[in-house]
Amino acid sequence: MTDKIEIDFDMTDFRIMRALTHDGRMSDVMLGEQVNLSSTAAARRRKILEDRGAIAGYTAALDMPMLGLGIMVMVAIELKSQTDQVLEEFEAAVVRCPSVTHCSFISGDMDFMMMVHVRSFDDYDRVYRRELSMLPHVARIRSSFVMRSVTHRSVPPAIFERPTLSGL
């Protein structure tokens, strides 16, 4: 759940955001061509979306196996307690873990789900012993090794298919 206020977007905004999710380095000229705007109008609309926070930033998608981190592990963590202090201490410690690429507070039997990228099973053993098992207030750690990644998206394509989200 988020505290952000939903902002109305028009179809041009959605076309711009869709184009940029495919290529965030796209020039304003190319963006304008793709969304049927002049490069100046495309640049202005992109800036407005950035300023409003709809475009939160730009990143490079790295090929983890090419970088030697070919094993992805999904790690479920159960805490001993869920008090505010315990959650804050755990979350602060996770942020300092160099092997964790994603961590979310979740509903269900476990409290947190995280993603870890490692070089090998021995490397995961090291991460488990030196990072994960050292996290405060942990009652249980469950690790699942990803066998094959089917899809990895930063944005669900459905957001561009539902104009009701844009207030239209």
Protein backbone atom coordinates (compact mmCIF):
# COMPACT_ATOMS: atom_id res chain seq x y z
CA MET A 1 0.00 0.00 0.00
CA THR A 2 1.29 3.43 -0.78
CA ASP A 3 0.50 6.90 0.49
CA LYS A 4 1.02 8.48 -2.94
CA ILE A 5 -1.88 10.32 -4.48
CA GLU A 6 -2.98 9.04 -7.88
CA ILE A 7 -2.45 11.71 -10.52
CA ASP A 8 -4.45 11.93 -13.71
CA PHE A 9 -2.48 11.07 -16.82
CA ASP A 10 -3.62 11.35 -20.41
CA MET A 11 -2.94 8.87 -23.20
CA THR A 12 0.09 10.85 -24.39
CA ASP A 13 1.60 10.57 -20.89
CA PHE A 14 1.09 6.81 -21.02
CA ARG A 15 2.62 6.58 -24.52
CA ILE A 16 5.66 8.53 -23.28
CA MET A 17 6.05 6.35 -20.20
CA ARG A 18 5.64 3.14 -22.26
CA ALA A 19 8.32 4.28 -24.73
CA LEU A 20 10.72 5.21 -21.92
CA THR A 21 10.27 1.85 -20.16
CA HIS A 22 11.64 0.25 -23.32
CA ASP A 23 14.48 2.76 -23.74
CA GLY A 24 15.09 5.28 -20.98
CA ARG A 25 17.99 6.81 -22.94
CA MET A 26 15.78 7.65 -25.90
CA SER A 27 16.42 11.12 -27.31
CA ASP A 28 13.62 13.67 -27.27
CA VAL A 29 13.57 13.56 -31.08
CA MET A 30 13.03 9.78 -31.09
CA LEU A 31 10.51 10.02 -28.24
CA GLY A 32 8.57 12.67 -30.13
CA GLU A 33 8.50 10.49 -33.24
CA GLN A 34 7.17 7.53 -31.26
CA VAL A 35 4.41 9.47 -29.50
CA ASN A 36 3.54 11.88 -32.34
CA LEU A 37 4.85 15.06 -30.69
CA SER A 38 7.56 17.53 -31.60
CA SER A 39 10.86 16.93 -29.81
CA THR A 40 10.26 20.12 -27.78
CA ALA A 41 6.80 18.97 -26.68
CA ALA A 42 8.13 15.49 -25.88
CA ALA A 43 10.95 16.98 -23.78
CA ARG A 44 8.49 19.23 -21.94
CA ARG A 45 6.09 16.34 -21.24
CA ARG A 46 8.97 14.08 -20.09
CA LYS A 47 10.16 16.81 -17.69
CA ILE A 48 6.65 17.22 -16.27
CA LEU A 49 6.37 13.46 -15.69
CA GLU A 50 9.77 13.47 -13.97
CA ASP A 51 8.89 16.49 -11.82
CA ARG A 52 5.55 14.94 -10.80
CA GLY A 53 7.38 11.74 -9.80
CA ALA A 54 5.65 9.49 -12.33
CA ILE A 55 9.08 8.82 -13.82
CA ALA A 56 11.05 8.09 -10.68
CA GLY A 57 14.45 7.70 -12.35
CA TYR A 58 16.48 5.88 -14.95
CA THR A 59 18.63 2.80 -14.48
CA ALA A 60 20.71 0.39 -16.52
CA ALA A 61 19.56 -3.24 -16.59
CA LEU A 62 22.67 -5.28 -15.90
CA ASP A 63 23.14 -8.87 -17.04
CA MET A 64 23.85 -10.52 -13.69
CA PRO A 65 25.13 -13.86 -15.09
CA MET A 66 27.51 -11.97 -17.40
CA LEU A 67 28.83 -10.21 -14.29
CA GLY A 68 29.45 -13.56 -12.59
CA LEU A 69 26.29 -13.54 -10.45
CA GLY A 70 24.45 -16.35 -12.22
CA ILE A 71 22.45 -17.70 -9.28
CA MET A 72 19.41 -15.82 -7.99
CA VAL A 73 17.98 -16.80 -4.63
CA MET A 74 14.58 -15.83 -3.26
CA VAL A 75 14.88 -15.58 0.51
CA ALA A 76 11.86 -15.49 2.84
CA ILE A 77 12.48 -14.16 6.33
CA GLU A 78 10.30 -14.60 9.39
CA LEU A 79 11.02 -12.29 12.32
CA LYS A 80 10.65 -13.10 16.01
CA SER A 81 8.35 -10.09 16.42
CA GLN A 82 6.79 -7.37 14.28
CA THR A 83 7.04 -4.39 16.62
CA ASP A 84 8.00 -1.06 15.07
CA GLN A 85 11.46 -1.20 16.64
CA VAL A 86 12.13 -4.74 15.40
CA LEU A 87 10.97 -3.89 11.88
CA GLU A 88 13.05 -0.70 11.77
CA GLU A 89 16.20 -2.44 13.05
CA PHE A 90 15.78 -5.33 10.60
CA GLU A 91 15.12 -3.04 7.64
CA ALA A 92 18.11 -0.82 8.46
CA ALA A 93 20.35 -3.91 8.61
CA VAL A 94 19.03 -5.26 5.29
CA VAL A 95 19.84 -1.99 3.54
CA ARG A 96 23.48 -2.52 4.57
CA CYS A 97 23.62 -6.08 3.11
CA PRO A 98 25.69 -5.85 -0.07
CA SER A 99 24.24 -9.03 -1.64
CA VAL A 100 20.55 -8.13 -1.35
CA THR A 101 19.09 -6.57 -4.50
CA HIS A 102 15.45 -6.38 -3.40
CA CYS A 103 13.61 -6.67 -0.09
CA SER A 104 9.89 -6.20 0.63
CA PHE A 105 7.71 -6.46 3.74
CA ILE A 106 5.00 -8.98 2.79
CA SER A 107 1.79 -10.48 4.11
CA GLY A 108 1.41 -14.17 4.86
CA ASP A 109 3.45 -16.65 6.88
CA MET A 110 6.75 -14.88 6.32
CA ASP A 111 7.52 -11.22 6.99
CA PHE A 112 10.01 -10.27 4.29
CA MET A 113 10.90 -11.51 0.81
CA MET A 114 14.27 -10.64 -0.66
CA MET A 115 16.33 -11.39 -3.73
CA VAL A 116 20.02 -12.23 -3.55
CA HIS A 117 22.40 -12.71 -6.49
CA VAL A 118 25.46 -14.94 -5.96
CA ARG A 119 28.27 -16.56 -7.95
CA SER A 120 27.83 -20.13 -6.69
CA PHE A 121 26.30 -22.28 -3.97
CA ASP A 122 29.47 -21.76 -1.93
CA ASP A 123 29.03 -18.01 -2.39
CA TYR A 124 25.44 -18.28 -1.14
CA ASP A 125 26.70 -20.20 1.90
CA ARG A 126 29.03 -17.25 2.59
CA VAL A 127 26.18 -14.73 2.13
CA TYR A 128 23.92 -16.81 4.34
CA ARG A 129 26.50 -17.05 7.14
CA ARG A 130 27.94 -13.52 6.99
CA GLU A 131 24.92 -11.45 5.97
CA LEU A 132 21.54 -13.15 6.33
CA SER A 133 22.08 -15.09 9.55
CA MET A 134 23.53 -11.93 11.14
CA LEU A 135 20.38 -9.88 10.54
CA PRO A 136 18.67 -8.89 13.81
CA HIS A 137 15.48 -10.51 15.10
CA VAL A 138 15.36 -13.33 12.53
CA ALA A 139 13.41 -16.43 13.57
CA ARG A 140 13.54 -18.34 10.26
CA ILE A 141 15.19 -18.09 6.86
CA ARG A 142 13.86 -20.01 3.85
CA SER A 143 15.86 -19.99 0.63
CA SER A 144 14.63 -20.95 -2.83
CA PHE A 145 16.99 -21.06 -5.79
CA VAL A 146 15.58 -19.68 -9.02
CA MET A 147 15.80 -22.34 -11.71
CA ARG A 148 14.78 -20.13 -14.63
CA SER A 149 13.58 -16.56 -14.91
CA VAL A 150 10.44 -16.33 -17.04
CA THR A 151 10.02 -12.55 -17.04
CA HIS A 152 11.53 -9.59 -15.27
CA ARG A 153 9.77 -6.28 -15.70
CA SER A 154 10.12 -3.01 -13.90
CA VAL A 155 6.60 -2.01 -14.97
CA PRO A 156 3.63 -4.31 -15.66
CA PRO A 157 2.46 -3.81 -19.27
CA ALA A 158 -1.16 -3.81 -18.06
CA ILE A 159 -0.74 -0.28 -16.73
CA PHE A 160 -0.61 0.95 -20.32
CA GLU A 161 -3.71 -1.05 -21.29
CA ARG A 162 -6.08 0.31 -18.63
CA PRO A 163 -7.03 3.92 -19.40
CA THR A 164 -9.22 3.96 -16.25
CA LEU A 165 -6.00 4.43 -14.28
CA SER A 166 -5.44 7.70 -16.08
CA GLY A 167 -8.78 9.12 -15.01
CA LEU A 168 -10.09 9.04 -18.59
